[in-house]
Amino acid sequence: MSATTICDSTAEAVAGIRDGSTVLIGGFGMAGMPVHLIDALIEQGAGDLTVVSNNAGNGDTGLAALLAKGRVRKMICSFPRQADSWVFDGLYRAGRIALEVVPQGNLAERMRAAGAGIGAFYARTGAGTPLAEGKETREIDGRTYVLEFPIKGDVALIGAHRADRMGNLVYRKTARNFGPVMATAAGLVIAQVNEIVPTGELDPEVIVTPSIYVDRVVAA
């Protein structure tokens, strides 16, 4: 019997997320962003959140809508500004949200490290830039490396293409992005999928996120 819960609604899927949580949110822009779960989180009401995502929201929907409600205390992301990031931009300029910029490769690796039980690692990315200020550095083979620590989430909200009733996940093209590493790096993993199929229908060779990492699934 699977430990994954198949939820009847997105409200059920996000129930119990607490104020002050660190929430990992998948998506590369809007590709793979679990918009329905984010909308449910807005309705659920949790606030004072730290959100970890590739960027800081697009337009007025999804993550941007969560930001606009004032629910996010801090963003940890790689791309806080783009043409349609006016919600975050306004909040940041007004001093209403904190920001930690993390290079994209480091962001993925810091979450992967959390899932793999790695205490810290050295990376070249960011060395010699303001992103390395205050961090430990080390010379390795004549190059400067920066010590980076894992990013662990209390919750991960990820978008996948299909799930079976055990909770195994497959993704569609670029919508895969950060979902697999986020699923290993959070205490509670919630997946929004397009379709839930009977166990055994997914080819085991194409399953990307095994059910052992997934706590709740909802078709949205």
Protein backbone atom coordinates (compact mmCIF):
# COMPACT_ATOMS: atom_id res chain seq x y z
CA MET A 1 0.00 0.00 0.00
CA SER A 2 1.42 3.39 -1.01
CA ALA A 3 2.13 6.09 1.55
CA THR A 4 1.21 8.70 -1.05
CA THR A 5 -2.19 10.31 -0.56
CA ILE A 6 -4.35 10.94 -3.62
CA CYS A 7 -6.17 14.17 -2.79
CA ASP A 8 -9.64 15.05 -4.02
CA SER A 9 -8.91 18.78 -4.18
CA THR A 10 -6.03 21.23 -4.17
CA ALA A 11 -7.35 22.57 -0.85
CA GLU A 12 -6.86 19.12 0.66
CA ALA A 13 -3.42 18.88 -0.92
CA VAL A 14 -2.07 22.05 0.75
CA ALA A 15 -3.81 21.59 4.10
CA GLY A 16 -1.55 22.03 7.10
CA ILE A 17 1.15 24.20 5.54
CA ARG A 18 2.23 26.47 8.38
CA ASP A 19 3.17 30.11 8.67
CA GLY A 20 6.92 30.58 8.42
CA SER A 21 7.47 27.55 6.19
CA THR A 22 10.18 27.32 3.55
CA VAL A 23 8.35 26.37 0.35
CA LEU A 24 10.14 25.06 -2.74
CA ILE A 25 8.11 25.90 -5.85
CA GLY A 26 8.91 24.27 -9.17
CA GLY A 27 8.79 26.01 -12.51
CA PHE A 28 10.99 27.58 -15.14
CA GLY A 29 9.02 30.74 -15.64
CA MET A 30 5.53 29.34 -16.02
CA ALA A 31 6.72 25.98 -17.44
CA GLY A 32 5.96 23.38 -14.82
CA MET A 33 4.78 25.88 -12.22
CA PRO A 34 2.06 24.28 -10.04
CA VAL A 35 -0.33 27.23 -10.39
CA HIS A 36 -3.36 25.41 -8.97
CA LEU A 37 -1.45 24.45 -5.82
CA ILE A 38 -0.25 28.04 -5.41
CA ASP A 39 -3.82 29.31 -5.77
CA ALA A 40 -4.89 26.82 -3.11
CA LEU A 41 -2.06 27.98 -0.83
CA ILE A 42 -3.28 31.56 -1.23
CA GLU A 43 -6.77 30.45 -0.14
CA GLN A 44 -5.29 28.37 2.70
CA GLY A 45 -3.73 31.50 4.17
CA ALA A 46 -0.21 30.51 5.26
CA GLY A 47 2.11 33.53 5.45
CA ASP A 48 5.59 34.69 6.44
CA LEU A 49 6.90 32.19 3.90
CA THR A 50 10.37 31.76 2.45
CA VAL A 51 9.94 30.72 -1.18
CA VAL A 52 12.64 29.01 -3.21
CA SER A 53 12.09 29.06 -6.96
CA ASN A 54 13.91 29.68 -10.22
CA ASN A 55 12.46 33.16 -10.57
CA ALA A 56 10.31 35.59 -8.61
CA GLY A 57 7.02 35.25 -10.44
CA ASN A 58 5.54 36.16 -13.81
CA GLY A 59 2.74 38.62 -14.45
CA ASP A 60 -0.02 38.47 -11.86
CA THR A 61 -0.64 34.72 -11.59
CA GLY A 62 0.94 31.77 -9.81
CA LEU A 63 3.89 32.77 -7.63
CA ALA A 64 3.36 36.44 -8.47
CA ALA A 65 -0.16 36.23 -7.02
CA LEU A 66 1.22 34.74 -3.79
CA LEU A 67 3.73 37.59 -3.58
CA ALA A 68 1.04 40.17 -4.23
CA LYS A 69 -0.91 38.90 -1.21
CA GLY A 70 2.06 39.74 1.03
CA ARG A 71 2.49 36.12 2.11
CA VAL A 72 6.20 35.83 1.29
CA ARG A 73 8.88 37.17 3.62
CA LYS A 74 11.88 36.14 1.51
CA MET A 75 12.61 34.97 -2.02
CA ILE A 76 15.55 32.69 -2.80
CA CYS A 77 15.90 32.53 -6.58
CA SER A 78 18.18 32.87 -9.59
CA PHE A 79 16.24 35.36 -11.70
CA PRO A 80 14.36 37.92 -9.56
CA ARG A 81 13.79 40.32 -12.44
CA GLN A 82 12.48 39.93 -15.95
CA ALA A 83 10.07 41.88 -18.14
CA ASP A 84 6.96 40.66 -16.30
CA SER A 85 8.24 40.54 -12.71
CA TRP A 86 6.57 43.80 -11.68
CA VAL A 87 4.98 42.33 -8.53
CA PHE A 88 8.30 41.28 -7.00
CA ASP A 89 10.03 44.41 -8.29
CA GLY A 90 7.52 46.67 -6.55
CA LEU A 91 7.71 44.75 -3.27
CA TYR A 92 11.51 44.74 -3.28
CA ARG A 93 11.82 48.44 -4.03
CA ALA A 94 9.38 49.15 -1.20
CA GLY A 95 11.45 47.06 1.23
CA ARG A 96 8.62 44.60 1.78
CA ILE A 97 10.46 41.43 0.78
CA ALA A 98 13.98 40.04 1.28
CA LEU A 99 16.00 38.51 -1.52
CA GLU A 100 18.80 35.97 -1.78
CA VAL A 101 20.14 35.53 -5.31
CA VAL A 102 21.61 32.09 -6.02
CA PRO A 103 23.13 31.13 -9.39
CA GLN A 104 20.90 28.61 -11.13
CA GLY A 105 23.32 25.68 -11.04
CA ASN A 106 24.07 26.32 -7.38
CA LEU A 107 20.35 26.54 -6.62
CA ALA A 108 19.74 23.10 -8.12
CA GLU A 109 22.81 21.61 -6.46
CA ARG A 110 22.00 23.07 -3.04
CA MET A 111 18.60 21.37 -3.15
CA ARG A 112 20.10 18.15 -4.50
CA ALA A 113 22.60 18.23 -1.64
CA ALA A 114 19.77 18.49 0.86
CA GLY A 115 18.14 15.41 -0.62
CA ALA A 116 21.41 13.47 -0.81
CA GLY A 117 22.48 14.20 2.77
CA ILE A 118 25.49 16.29 1.73
CA GLY A 119 26.47 18.73 4.47
CA ALA A 120 28.05 21.34 2.16
CA PHE A 121 30.02 21.55 -1.07
CA TYR A 122 32.44 23.86 -2.88
CA ALA A 123 31.45 25.47 -6.19
CA ARG A 124 33.27 27.85 -8.52
CA THR A 125 30.14 29.73 -9.53
CA GLY A 126 29.95 33.12 -7.84
CA ALA A 127 33.61 33.20 -6.78
CA GLY A 128 35.00 36.72 -6.90
CA THR A 129 31.55 38.32 -7.14
CA PRO A 130 29.26 39.96 -4.56
CA LEU A 131 27.38 36.63 -4.33
CA ALA A 132 30.40 35.17 -2.50
CA GLU A 133 30.68 37.95 0.09
CA GLY A 134 30.73 36.57 3.62
CA LYS A 135 31.13 32.98 2.43
CA GLU A 136 34.06 30.67 3.06
CA THR A 137 36.32 30.15 0.04
CA ARG A 138 39.02 27.64 -0.74
CA GLU A 139 41.71 27.28 -3.38
CA ILE A 140 41.48 23.95 -5.23
CA ASP A 141 43.82 23.22 -8.15
CA GLY A 142 44.62 26.90 -8.41
CA ARG A 143 41.01 28.05 -8.61
CA THR A 144 38.80 29.72 -6.00
CA TYR A 145 35.74 27.81 -4.84
CA VAL A 146 32.90 29.00 -2.61
CA LEU A 147 31.39 26.92 0.18
CA GLU A 148 27.65 26.42 -0.35
CA PHE A 149 25.14 24.84 2.03
CA PRO A 150 22.04 22.75 1.26
CA ILE A 151 18.60 24.28 0.82
CA LYS A 152 15.94 22.15 2.49
CA GLY A 153 12.24 22.91 2.27
CA ASP A 154 9.46 22.27 4.72
CA VAL A 155 7.21 21.85 1.69
CA ALA A 156 7.72 21.37 -2.06
CA LEU A 157 5.01 22.25 -4.56
CA ILE A 158 5.83 20.71 -7.92
CA GLY A 159 4.08 20.23 -11.24
CA ALA A 160 4.29 16.95 -13.15
CA HIS A 161 2.57 15.51 -16.20
CA ARG A 162 1.21 12.21 -14.93
CA ALA A 163 1.19 10.20 -11.71
CA ASP A 164 0.10 6.68 -10.94
CA ARG A 165 -1.85 5.86 -7.83
CA MET A 166 1.35 4.99 -5.97
CA GLY A 167 2.61 8.54 -6.53
CA ASN A 168 5.29 7.88 -9.15
CA LEU A 169 5.74 10.94 -11.38
CA VAL A 170 6.67 11.63 -14.98
CA TYR A 171 7.19 15.10 -16.43
CA ARG A 172 6.71 16.70 -19.83
CA LYS A 173 9.73 18.32 -21.48
CA THR A 174 10.92 21.57 -19.84
CA ALA A 175 8.17 21.33 -17.23
CA ARG A 176 10.50 18.84 -15.52
CA ASN A 177 13.01 21.57 -14.50
CA PHE A 178 13.49 21.68 -10.70
CA GLY A 179 10.75 19.20 -9.76
CA PRO A 180 12.96 16.13 -9.33
CA VAL A 181 15.50 17.79 -7.00
CA MET A 182 12.82 19.63 -5.04
CA ALA A 183 11.00 16.35 -4.44
CA THR A 184 14.08 14.99 -2.65
CA ALA A 185 14.71 18.14 -0.61
CA ALA A 186 11.46 18.78 1.29
CA GLY A 187 9.72 17.25 4.27
CA LEU A 188 6.30 17.38 2.58
CA VAL A 189 6.12 16.96 -1.20
CA ILE A 190 2.90 17.85 -3.01
CA ALA A 191 2.53 17.23 -6.74
CA GLN A 192 -0.01 18.74 -9.10
CA VAL A 193 -0.48 16.54 -12.18
CA ASN A 194 -2.62 16.57 -15.30
CA GLU A 195 -3.70 12.96 -14.91
CA ILE A 196 -3.60 10.12 -12.40
CA VAL A 197 -3.44 6.66 -13.96
CA PRO A 198 -3.70 3.16 -12.48
CA THR A 199 -0.55 1.74 -10.94
CA GLY A 200 1.38 -0.18 -13.57
CA GLU A 201 0.37 2.04 -16.48
CA LEU A 202 3.52 4.17 -16.34
CA ASP A 203 6.61 2.63 -17.88
CA PRO A 204 9.05 2.15 -14.99
CA GLU A 205 11.89 3.23 -17.28
CA VAL A 206 10.45 6.73 -17.70
CA ILE A 207 9.48 7.42 -14.08
CA VAL A 208 11.59 10.38 -12.91
CA THR A 209 10.39 10.91 -9.34
CA PRO A 210 9.66 7.65 -7.48
CA SER A 211 6.68 7.56 -5.15
CA ILE A 212 8.90 7.27 -2.08
CA TYR A 213 9.53 11.03 -2.39
CA VAL A 214 5.90 12.07 -2.95
CA ASP A 215 3.45 12.60 -0.08
CA ARG A 216 0.38 14.03 -1.83
CA VAL A 217 -0.87 14.08 -5.42
CA VAL A 218 -3.78 15.97 -6.89
CA ALA A 219 -5.07 16.07 -10.46
CA ALA A 220 -5.72 19.69 -11.41
